[in-house]
C-alpha atoms as a PDB file:
ATOM      1  CA  UNK A   1     -20.096  26.250 177.663  1.00  0.00           C
ATOM      2  CA  UNK A   2     -18.457  24.014 175.075  1.00  0.00           C
ATOM      3  CA  UNK A   3     -19.464  20.713 173.582  1.00  0.00           C
ATOM      4  CA  UNK A   4     -17.511  17.500 173.254  1.00  0.00           C
ATOM      5  CA  UNK A   5     -17.369  14.935 170.490  1.00  0.00           C
ATOM      6  CA  UNK A   6     -15.512  11.821 169.550  1.00  0.00           C
ATOM      7  CA  UNK A   7     -11.869  12.531 168.800  1.00  0.00           C
ATOM      8  CA  UNK A   8     -12.374  10.275 165.774  1.00  0.00           C
ATOM      9  CA  UNK A   9     -14.992  12.608 164.237  1.00  0.00           C
ATOM     10  CA  UNK A  10     -13.591  14.032 161.003  1.00  0.00           C
ATOM     11  CA  UNK A  11     -15.009  17.491 161.855  1.00  0.00           C
ATOM     12  CA  UNK A  12     -13.303  17.455 165.241  1.00  0.00           C
ATOM     13  CA  UNK A  13     -10.928  20.333 165.890  1.00  0.00           C
ATOM     14  CA  UNK A  14      -8.555  18.049 167.824  1.00  0.00           C
ATOM     15  CA  UNK A  15      -7.084  20.986 169.717  1.00  0.00           C
ATOM     16  CA  UNK A  16      -7.809  19.753 173.256  1.00  0.00           C
ATOM     17  CA  UNK A  17      -8.568  16.186 174.252  1.00  0.00           C
ATOM     18  CA  UNK A  18     -10.318  14.868 177.344  1.00  0.00           C
ATOM     19  CA  UNK A  19      -9.731  11.352 178.635  1.00  0.00           C
ATOM     20  CA  UNK A  20     -11.483   8.945 181.021  1.00  0.00           C
ATOM     21  CA  UNK A  21     -10.968  10.319 184.511  1.00  0.00           C
ATOM     22  CA  UNK A  22     -11.135  13.954 183.404  1.00  0.00           C
ATOM     23  CA  UNK A  23     -14.904  13.983 183.982  1.00  0.00           C
ATOM     24  CA  UNK A  24     -17.415  11.220 184.813  1.00  0.00           C
ATOM     25  CA  UNK A  25     -19.173  11.074 181.434  1.00  0.00           C
ATOM     26  CA  UNK A  26     -15.927  10.920 179.418  1.00  0.00           C
ATOM     27  CA  UNK A  27     -15.507   7.226 178.530  1.00  0.00           C
ATOM     28  CA  UNK A  28     -12.950   7.446 175.702  1.00  0.00           C
ATOM     29  CA  UNK A  29     -10.609   9.969 174.098  1.00  0.00           C
ATOM     30  CA  UNK A  30     -12.833  12.951 173.367  1.00  0.00           C
ATOM     31  CA  UNK A  31     -12.256  16.251 171.594  1.00  0.00           C
ATOM     32  CA  UNK A  32     -13.571  19.580 172.895  1.00  0.00           C
ATOM     33  CA  UNK A  33     -15.929  20.972 170.221  1.00  0.00           C
ATOM     34  CA  UNK A  34     -15.162  24.676 170.326  1.00  0.00           C
ATOM     35  CA  UNK A  35     -17.468  25.398 167.380  1.00  0.00           C
ATOM     36  CA  UNK A  36     -20.345  24.899 169.842  1.00  0.00           C
ATOM     37  CA  UNK A  37     -18.940  27.366 172.398  1.00  0.00           C
ATOM     38  CA  UNK A  38     -21.629  29.613 173.852  1.00  0.00           C
ATOM     39  CA  UNK A  39     -22.098  32.007 176.719  1.00  0.00           C
ATOM     40  CA  UNK A  40     -24.978  31.011 178.977  1.00  0.00           C
ATOM     41  CA  UNK A  41     -26.804  33.255 181.406  1.00  0.00           C
ATOM     42  CA  UNK A  42     -27.575  31.877 184.842  1.00  0.00           C
ATOM     43  CA  UNK A  43     -31.286  31.947 183.994  1.00  0.00           C
ATOM     44  CA  UNK A  44     -30.702  29.924 180.796  1.00  0.00           C
ATOM     45  CA  UNK A  45     -28.628  27.369 182.697  1.00  0.00           C
ATOM     46  CA  UNK A  46     -31.365  27.166 185.332  1.00  0.00           C
ATOM     47  CA  UNK A  47     -33.910  26.580 182.552  1.00  0.00           C
ATOM     48  CA  UNK A  48     -31.762  23.748 181.146  1.00  0.00           C
ATOM     49  CA  UNK A  49     -31.517  22.145 184.590  1.00  0.00           C
ATOM     50  CA  UNK A  50     -35.258  22.420 185.274  1.00  0.00           C
ATOM     51  CA  UNK A  51     -36.109  20.886 181.899  1.00  0.00           C
ATOM     52  CA  UNK A  52     -33.482  18.170 182.501  1.00  0.00           C
ATOM     53  CA  UNK A  53     -31.755  19.090 179.234  1.00  0.00           C
ATOM     54  CA  UNK A  54     -28.694  19.455 181.473  1.00  0.00           C
ATOM     55  CA  UNK A  55     -28.020  17.807 184.794  1.00  0.00           C
ATOM     56  CA  UNK A  56     -25.772  18.726 187.683  1.00  0.00           C
ATOM     57  CA  UNK A  57     -22.658  16.667 188.151  1.00  0.00           C
ATOM     58  CA  UNK A  58     -19.525  16.822 190.244  1.00  0.00           C
ATOM     59  CA  UNK A  59     -17.306  19.876 189.702  1.00  0.00           C
ATOM     60  CA  UNK A  60     -14.698  19.550 186.991  1.00  0.00           C
ATOM     61  CA  UNK A  61     -11.086  19.634 188.189  1.00  0.00           C
ATOM     62  CA  UNK A  62      -9.481  23.052 187.804  1.00  0.00           C
ATOM     63  CA  UNK A  63      -6.639  21.738 185.636  1.00  0.00           C
ATOM     64  CA  UNK A  64      -9.180  20.296 183.171  1.00  0.00           C
ATOM     65  CA  UNK A  65     -11.149  23.573 183.131  1.00  0.00           C
ATOM     66  CA  UNK A  66      -7.934  25.505 182.487  1.00  0.00           C
ATOM     67  CA  UNK A  67      -6.901  23.107 179.691  1.00  0.00           C
ATOM     68  CA  UNK A  68     -10.291  23.603 178.012  1.00  0.00           C
ATOM     69  CA  UNK A  69     -10.029  27.371 178.473  1.00  0.00           C
ATOM     70  CA  UNK A  70      -6.537  27.543 177.007  1.00  0.00           C
ATOM     71  CA  UNK A  71      -7.826  25.689 173.953  1.00  0.00           C
ATOM     72  CA  UNK A  72     -10.750  28.095 173.667  1.00  0.00           C
ATOM     73  CA  UNK A  73      -8.295  30.990 173.473  1.00  0.00           C
ATOM     74  CA  UNK A  74      -6.280  29.206 170.734  1.00  0.00           C
ATOM     75  CA  UNK A  75      -9.251  27.995 168.708  1.00  0.00           C
ATOM     76  CA  UNK A  76      -9.970  29.572 165.340  1.00  0.00           C
ATOM     77  CA  UNK A  77     -13.606  28.454 165.765  1.00  0.00           C
ATOM     78  CA  UNK A  78     -14.331  30.766 168.714  1.00  0.00           C
ATOM     79  CA  UNK A  79     -15.096  34.432 168.102  1.00  0.00           C
ATOM     80  CA  UNK A  80     -13.234  37.192 169.889  1.00  0.00           C
ATOM     81  CA  UNK A  81     -16.217  38.159 172.075  1.00  0.00           C
ATOM     82  CA  UNK A  82     -16.298  34.683 173.666  1.00  0.00           C
ATOM     83  CA  UNK A  83     -12.529  34.698 174.135  1.00  0.00           C
ATOM     84  CA  UNK A  84     -12.722  38.106 175.818  1.00  0.00           C
ATOM     85  CA  UNK A  85     -15.579  36.923 178.069  1.00  0.00           C
ATOM     86  CA  UNK A  86     -13.558  33.881 179.158  1.00  0.00           C
ATOM     87  CA  UNK A  87     -10.456  35.989 179.778  1.00  0.00           C
ATOM     88  CA  UNK A  88     -12.486  38.413 181.887  1.00  0.00           C
ATOM     89  CA  UNK A  89     -13.900  35.523 183.966  1.00  0.00           C
ATOM     90  CA  UNK A  90     -10.550  33.897 184.604  1.00  0.00           C
ATOM     91  CA  UNK A  91      -8.094  36.788 184.936  1.00  0.00           C
ATOM     92  CA  UNK A  92      -7.648  36.160 188.662  1.00  0.00           C
ATOM     93  CA  UNK A  93      -7.085  32.397 188.461  1.00  0.00           C
END
């Protein structure tokens, strides 16, 4: 899981941008915040959903997911363990 932030934020990595139409809650040019990247267990995600800290939404388009993932692999703010986990998850795509 990664966060997003305004592309205008001075701490923004500005490696990958999302735009309106990429996902329903994206309303303006937005930067993926790789410094917040984390690996969630299914039980933790379920906990977030039950507490309404997170909410289900429509699936993200595969090309957007892949763009975010490619940025994760290039980011200097993501540790090698998270990069390896992502690579393991997506090796067949």
